[in-house]
Amino acid sequence: MPRIPFSVILKAQRENYLLPILLKECRTVDSARNELRWLQERAVRDSESLSRPKAWRSRLRSMCQMRSRGYPLQYILGDQPFGDLEILCRRGVLIPRSAHRISKRGISC
């Protein structure tokens, strides 16, 4: 796997300090930006149920670190869209992929 150019890492750092953490797995700034958005949405939503409303920031950083260590995004988020369904995902569960949709159509017919 080719190295990520230092200029790309700097560009990501200027945009958001968490983007370079995600670059290791995402490989592009655009992909890292998308994952950061999804992770932030989940962290904010999860922290709304807590008594500490600002807790989402530390939760987001923790989620980004998990992702940089190769933990699947779907396990971190807890779900994965699959057609009209939201499949709950946790460790040990097969993560549904878009290529599997063909088999879903075959089953539902």
N, C-alpha and C. Protein backbone atom coordinates (compact mmCIF):
# COMPACT_ATOMS: atom_id res chain seq x y z
N MET A 1 0.85 -1.17 0.00
CA MET A 1 0.00 0.00 0.00
C MET A 1 0.90 1.24 0.00
N PRO A 2 0.68 2.15 -0.93
CA PRO A 2 1.53 3.35 -0.99
C PRO A 2 1.31 4.27 0.21
N ARG A 3 2.36 4.98 0.53
CA ARG A 3 2.28 5.94 1.64
C ARG A 3 1.41 7.13 1.25
N ILE A 4 0.78 7.69 2.25
CA ILE A 4 -0.01 8.91 2.05
C ILE A 4 0.97 10.07 2.06
N PRO A 5 0.96 10.91 1.02
CA PRO A 5 1.89 12.05 0.99
C PRO A 5 1.70 12.97 2.19
N PHE A 6 2.81 13.50 2.67
CA PHE A 6 2.78 14.39 3.83
C PHE A 6 1.90 15.61 3.57
N SER A 7 1.88 16.10 2.34
CA SER A 7 1.05 17.26 2.00
C SER A 7 -0.44 16.95 2.20
N VAL A 8 -0.83 15.72 1.93
CA VAL A 8 -2.23 15.31 2.13
C VAL A 8 -2.55 15.26 3.62
N ILE A 9 -1.61 14.77 4.41
CA ILE A 9 -1.80 14.71 5.86
C ILE A 9 -1.93 16.13 6.44
N LEU A 10 -1.08 17.04 5.97
CA LEU A 10 -1.15 18.43 6.44
C LEU A 10 -2.47 19.09 6.06
N LYS A 11 -2.91 18.84 4.84
CA LYS A 11 -4.19 19.39 4.37
C LYS A 11 -5.33 18.89 5.26
N ALA A 12 -5.31 17.62 5.56
CA ALA A 12 -6.33 17.03 6.42
C ALA A 12 -6.27 17.63 7.83
N GLN A 13 -5.06 17.80 8.35
CA GLN A 13 -4.87 18.36 9.69
C GLN A 13 -5.43 19.77 9.79
N ARG A 14 -5.23 20.57 8.74
CA ARG A 14 -5.74 21.94 8.74
C ARG A 14 -7.26 21.98 8.75
N GLU A 15 -7.86 21.00 8.11
CA GLU A 15 -9.33 20.95 8.05
C GLU A 15 -9.94 20.49 9.37
N ASN A 16 -9.39 19.40 9.92
CA ASN A 16 -9.89 18.88 11.20
C ASN A 16 -8.81 17.99 11.80
N TYR A 17 -8.53 18.17 13.06
CA TYR A 17 -7.43 17.43 13.69
C TYR A 17 -7.67 15.91 13.72
N LEU A 18 -8.89 15.46 13.52
CA LEU A 18 -9.18 14.02 13.53
C LEU A 18 -9.03 13.37 12.16
N LEU A 19 -9.02 14.15 11.10
CA LEU A 19 -8.92 13.57 9.75
C LEU A 19 -7.65 12.74 9.54
N PRO A 20 -6.47 13.22 9.97
CA PRO A 20 -5.27 12.39 9.77
C PRO A 20 -5.35 11.03 10.47
N ILE A 21 -6.06 10.96 11.57
CA ILE A 21 -6.22 9.69 12.27
C ILE A 21 -6.98 8.70 11.39
N LEU A 22 -7.98 9.20 10.68
CA LEU A 22 -8.80 8.34 9.83
C LEU A 22 -8.14 8.02 8.49
N LEU A 23 -7.19 8.83 8.07
CA LEU A 23 -6.53 8.61 6.77
C LEU A 23 -5.86 7.25 6.68
N LYS A 24 -5.39 6.73 7.77
CA LYS A 24 -4.70 5.43 7.76
C LYS A 24 -5.59 4.35 7.16
N GLU A 25 -6.86 4.34 7.50
CA GLU A 25 -7.80 3.35 6.97
C GLU A 25 -8.51 3.84 5.72
N CYS A 26 -8.84 5.11 5.67
CA CYS A 26 -9.65 5.64 4.56
C CYS A 26 -8.84 5.89 3.29
N ARG A 27 -7.59 6.28 3.44
CA ARG A 27 -6.64 6.50 2.33
C ARG A 27 -6.86 7.79 1.55
N THR A 28 -8.04 8.39 1.57
CA THR A 28 -8.24 9.68 0.89
C THR A 28 -8.93 10.64 1.86
N VAL A 29 -8.71 11.94 1.65
CA VAL A 29 -9.32 12.95 2.51
C VAL A 29 -10.84 12.90 2.36
N ASP A 30 -11.35 12.73 1.15
CA ASP A 30 -12.80 12.67 0.94
C ASP A 30 -13.43 11.53 1.72
N SER A 31 -12.82 10.37 1.66
CA SER A 31 -13.33 9.21 2.38
C SER A 31 -13.24 9.44 3.90
N ALA A 32 -12.14 9.99 4.35
CA ALA A 32 -11.96 10.28 5.78
C ALA A 32 -12.99 11.31 6.24
N ARG A 33 -13.27 12.28 5.40
CA ARG A 33 -14.26 13.32 5.72
C ARG A 33 -15.64 12.69 5.90
N ASN A 34 -16.01 11.78 5.01
CA ASN A 34 -17.31 11.10 5.12
C ASN A 34 -17.39 10.29 6.41
N GLU A 35 -16.35 9.51 6.68
CA GLU A 35 -16.36 8.69 7.89
C GLU A 35 -16.40 9.55 9.15
N LEU A 36 -15.68 10.67 9.14
CA LEU A 36 -15.70 11.57 10.29
C LEU A 36 -17.11 12.11 10.51
N ARG A 37 -17.79 12.46 9.44
CA ARG A 37 -19.16 12.97 9.54
C ARG A 37 -20.09 11.91 10.15
N TRP A 38 -19.98 10.67 9.66
CA TRP A 38 -20.82 9.59 10.20
C TRP A 38 -20.51 9.31 11.66
N LEU A 39 -19.23 9.30 11.99
CA LEU A 39 -18.83 9.05 13.38
C LEU A 39 -19.29 10.18 14.29
N GLN A 40 -19.19 11.42 13.82
CA GLN A 40 -19.62 12.56 14.63
C GLN A 40 -21.13 12.52 14.86
N GLU A 41 -21.88 12.20 13.81
CA GLU A 41 -23.34 12.10 13.98
C GLU A 41 -23.69 11.06 15.04
N ARG A 42 -23.01 9.91 15.00
CA ARG A 42 -23.29 8.85 15.97
C ARG A 42 -22.86 9.27 17.37
N ALA A 43 -21.69 9.89 17.49
CA ALA A 43 -21.20 10.31 18.81
C ALA A 43 -22.14 11.33 19.45
N VAL A 44 -22.62 12.28 18.64
CA VAL A 44 -23.55 13.30 19.16
C VAL A 44 -24.85 12.63 19.58
N ARG A 45 -25.37 11.76 18.73
CA ARG A 45 -26.64 11.09 19.04
C ARG A 45 -26.51 10.23 20.30
N ASP A 46 -25.40 9.51 20.43
CA ASP A 46 -25.19 8.68 21.62
C ASP A 46 -25.05 9.51 22.89
N SER A 47 -24.39 10.66 22.78
CA SER A 47 -24.14 11.47 23.98
C SER A 47 -25.36 12.26 24.41
N GLU A 48 -26.35 12.42 23.52
CA GLU A 48 -27.57 13.13 23.92
C GLU A 48 -28.30 12.39 25.02
N SER A 49 -28.12 11.08 25.07
CA SER A 49 -28.78 10.30 26.12
C SER A 49 -28.00 10.32 27.44
N LEU A 50 -26.79 10.85 27.41
CA LEU A 50 -25.98 10.93 28.63
C LEU A 50 -26.25 12.22 29.37
N SER A 51 -25.85 12.28 30.62
CA SER A 51 -26.05 13.49 31.41
C SER A 51 -25.03 14.58 31.07
N ARG A 52 -23.95 14.19 30.35
CA ARG A 52 -22.92 15.16 29.95
C ARG A 52 -23.09 15.47 28.46
N PRO A 53 -23.69 16.58 28.10
CA PRO A 53 -23.96 16.87 26.69
C PRO A 53 -22.71 17.05 25.83
N LYS A 54 -21.60 17.44 26.41
CA LYS A 54 -20.37 17.65 25.63
C LYS A 54 -19.52 16.39 25.54
N ALA A 55 -20.01 15.28 26.05
CA ALA A 55 -19.26 14.03 26.07
C ALA A 55 -19.00 13.49 24.66
N TRP A 56 -19.71 13.99 23.67
CA TRP A 56 -19.56 13.47 22.32
C TRP A 56 -18.16 13.70 21.77
N ARG A 57 -17.47 14.74 22.21
CA ARG A 57 -16.13 15.02 21.68
C ARG A 57 -15.14 13.92 22.05
N SER A 58 -15.14 13.50 23.30
CA SER A 58 -14.22 12.42 23.69
C SER A 58 -14.66 11.10 23.08
N ARG A 59 -15.96 10.90 22.94
CA ARG A 59 -16.48 9.68 22.30
C ARG A 59 -16.05 9.65 20.83
N LEU A 60 -16.11 10.78 20.15
CA LEU A 60 -15.71 10.86 18.75
C LEU A 60 -14.23 10.54 18.59
N ARG A 61 -13.40 11.10 19.44
CA ARG A 61 -11.97 10.81 19.36
C ARG A 61 -11.70 9.32 19.57
N SER A 62 -12.36 8.74 20.52
CA SER A 62 -12.21 7.31 20.79
C SER A 62 -12.65 6.48 19.58
N MET A 63 -13.74 6.87 18.95
CA MET A 63 -14.24 6.16 17.76
C MET A 63 -13.24 6.27 16.61
N CYS A 64 -12.66 7.45 16.42
CA CYS A 64 -11.66 7.65 15.36
C CYS A 64 -10.42 6.80 15.61
N GLN A 65 -10.00 6.71 16.86
CA GLN A 65 -8.84 5.89 17.18
C GLN A 65 -9.12 4.41 16.93
N MET A 66 -10.31 3.96 17.25
CA MET A 66 -10.69 2.58 16.95
C MET A 66 -10.63 2.33 15.45
N ARG A 67 -11.15 3.27 14.69
CA ARG A 67 -11.17 3.13 13.24
C ARG A 67 -9.76 3.09 12.68
N SER A 68 -8.87 3.92 13.22
CA SER A 68 -7.49 3.96 12.72
C SER A 68 -6.74 2.66 13.00
N ARG A 69 -7.21 1.90 13.98
CA ARG A 69 -6.61 0.60 14.29
C ARG A 69 -7.22 -0.53 13.46
N GLY A 70 -8.09 -0.17 12.52
CA GLY A 70 -8.65 -1.16 11.60
C GLY A 70 -9.97 -1.76 12.02
N TYR A 71 -10.55 -1.25 13.09
CA TYR A 71 -11.85 -1.75 13.53
C TYR A 71 -12.90 -1.35 12.49
N PRO A 72 -13.74 -2.25 12.03
CA PRO A 72 -14.71 -1.93 10.98
C PRO A 72 -15.66 -0.79 11.37
N LEU A 73 -15.86 0.12 10.44
CA LEU A 73 -16.74 1.27 10.67
C LEU A 73 -18.13 0.81 11.10
N GLN A 74 -18.63 -0.24 10.50
CA GLN A 74 -19.97 -0.72 10.81
C GLN A 74 -20.09 -1.18 12.26
N TYR A 75 -19.03 -1.76 12.81
CA TYR A 75 -19.05 -2.18 14.21
C TYR A 75 -19.03 -0.95 15.13
N ILE A 76 -18.30 0.07 14.74
CA ILE A 76 -18.22 1.29 15.55
C ILE A 76 -19.57 2.00 15.54
N LEU A 77 -20.17 2.12 14.36
CA LEU A 77 -21.46 2.80 14.24
C LEU A 77 -22.60 1.97 14.80
N GLY A 78 -22.46 0.65 14.72
CA GLY A 78 -23.48 -0.23 15.27
C GLY A 78 -24.53 -0.68 14.28
N ASP A 79 -24.45 -0.19 13.04
CA ASP A 79 -25.41 -0.62 12.03
C ASP A 79 -24.85 -0.39 10.63
N GLN A 80 -25.56 -0.95 9.66
CA GLN A 80 -25.16 -0.83 8.26
C GLN A 80 -26.42 -0.82 7.40
N PRO A 81 -26.61 0.22 6.56
CA PRO A 81 -27.76 0.19 5.65
C PRO A 81 -27.63 -0.98 4.67
N PHE A 82 -28.75 -1.60 4.40
CA PHE A 82 -28.79 -2.74 3.47
C PHE A 82 -30.13 -2.69 2.76
N GLY A 83 -30.16 -2.02 1.61
CA GLY A 83 -31.44 -1.81 0.93
C GLY A 83 -32.33 -0.95 1.80
N ASP A 84 -33.52 -1.45 2.09
CA ASP A 84 -34.48 -0.73 2.93
C ASP A 84 -34.27 -0.99 4.42
N LEU A 85 -33.33 -1.84 4.75
CA LEU A 85 -33.11 -2.25 6.14
C LEU A 85 -31.92 -1.55 6.77
N GLU A 86 -31.94 -1.48 8.09
CA GLU A 86 -30.77 -1.08 8.87
C GLU A 86 -30.36 -2.32 9.66
N ILE A 87 -29.25 -2.94 9.27
CA ILE A 87 -28.78 -4.15 9.92
C ILE A 87 -27.90 -3.76 11.10
N LEU A 88 -28.23 -4.26 12.29
CA LEU A 88 -27.40 -4.01 13.46
C LEU A 88 -26.12 -4.82 13.33
N CYS A 89 -25.00 -4.18 13.60
CA CYS A 89 -23.69 -4.82 13.46
C CYS A 89 -22.90 -4.69 14.75
N ARG A 90 -22.34 -5.80 15.16
CA ARG A 90 -21.39 -5.80 16.27
C ARG A 90 -20.37 -6.88 15.99
N ARG A 91 -19.35 -6.92 16.77
CA ARG A 91 -18.27 -7.88 16.56
C ARG A 91 -18.83 -9.30 16.43
N GLY A 92 -18.35 -9.99 15.42
CA GLY A 92 -18.80 -11.35 15.18
C GLY A 92 -19.93 -11.47 14.18
N VAL A 93 -20.52 -10.34 13.79
CA VAL A 93 -21.62 -10.34 12.83
C VAL A 93 -21.05 -10.07 11.45
N LEU A 94 -21.50 -10.83 10.46
CA LEU A 94 -21.08 -10.60 9.09
C LEU A 94 -21.63 -9.25 8.63
N ILE A 95 -20.76 -8.39 8.16
CA ILE A 95 -21.17 -7.05 7.73
C ILE A 95 -21.77 -7.15 6.33
N PRO A 96 -23.04 -6.73 6.17
CA PRO A 96 -23.66 -6.80 4.84
C PRO A 96 -23.00 -5.82 3.87
N ARG A 97 -22.79 -6.26 2.65
CA ARG A 97 -22.18 -5.45 1.61
C ARG A 97 -23.18 -5.28 0.47
N SER A 98 -22.96 -4.26 -0.34
CA SER A 98 -23.87 -4.01 -1.46
C SER A 98 -23.92 -5.20 -2.42
N ALA A 99 -22.84 -5.94 -2.55
CA ALA A 99 -22.82 -7.11 -3.44
C ALA A 99 -23.77 -8.20 -2.96
N HIS A 100 -24.12 -8.18 -1.68
CA HIS A 100 -25.02 -9.19 -1.13
C HIS A 100 -26.48 -8.88 -1.43
N ARG A 101 -26.77 -7.68 -1.94
CA ARG A 101 -28.16 -7.30 -2.22
C ARG A 101 -28.82 -8.23 -3.22
N ILE A 102 -28.05 -8.77 -4.13
CA ILE A 102 -28.60 -9.69 -5.13
C ILE A 102 -29.26 -10.87 -4.42
N SER A 103 -28.57 -11.42 -3.43
CA SER A 103 -29.14 -12.56 -2.71
C SER A 103 -30.38 -12.14 -1.92
N LYS A 104 -30.43 -10.91 -1.42
CA LYS A 104 -31.60 -10.43 -0.70
C LYS A 104 -32.80 -10.40 -1.63
N ARG A 105 -32.60 -9.92 -2.86
CA ARG A 105 -33.69 -9.89 -3.82
C ARG A 105 -34.19 -11.30 -4.12
N GLY A 106 -33.26 -12.21 -4.26
CA GLY A 106 -33.64 -13.59 -4.54
C GLY A 106 -34.44 -14.21 -3.41
N ILE A 107 -34.12 -13.86 -2.20
CA ILE A 107 -34.82 -14.41 -1.04
C ILE A 107 -36.22 -13.83 -0.93
N SER A 108 -36.36 -12.53 -1.23
CA SER A 108 -37.65 -11.87 -1.03
C SER A 108 -38.66 -12.17 -2.13
N CYS A 109 -38.24 -12.78 -3.23
CA CYS A 109 -39.17 -13.06 -4.34
C CYS A 109 -40.06 -14.23 -4.06
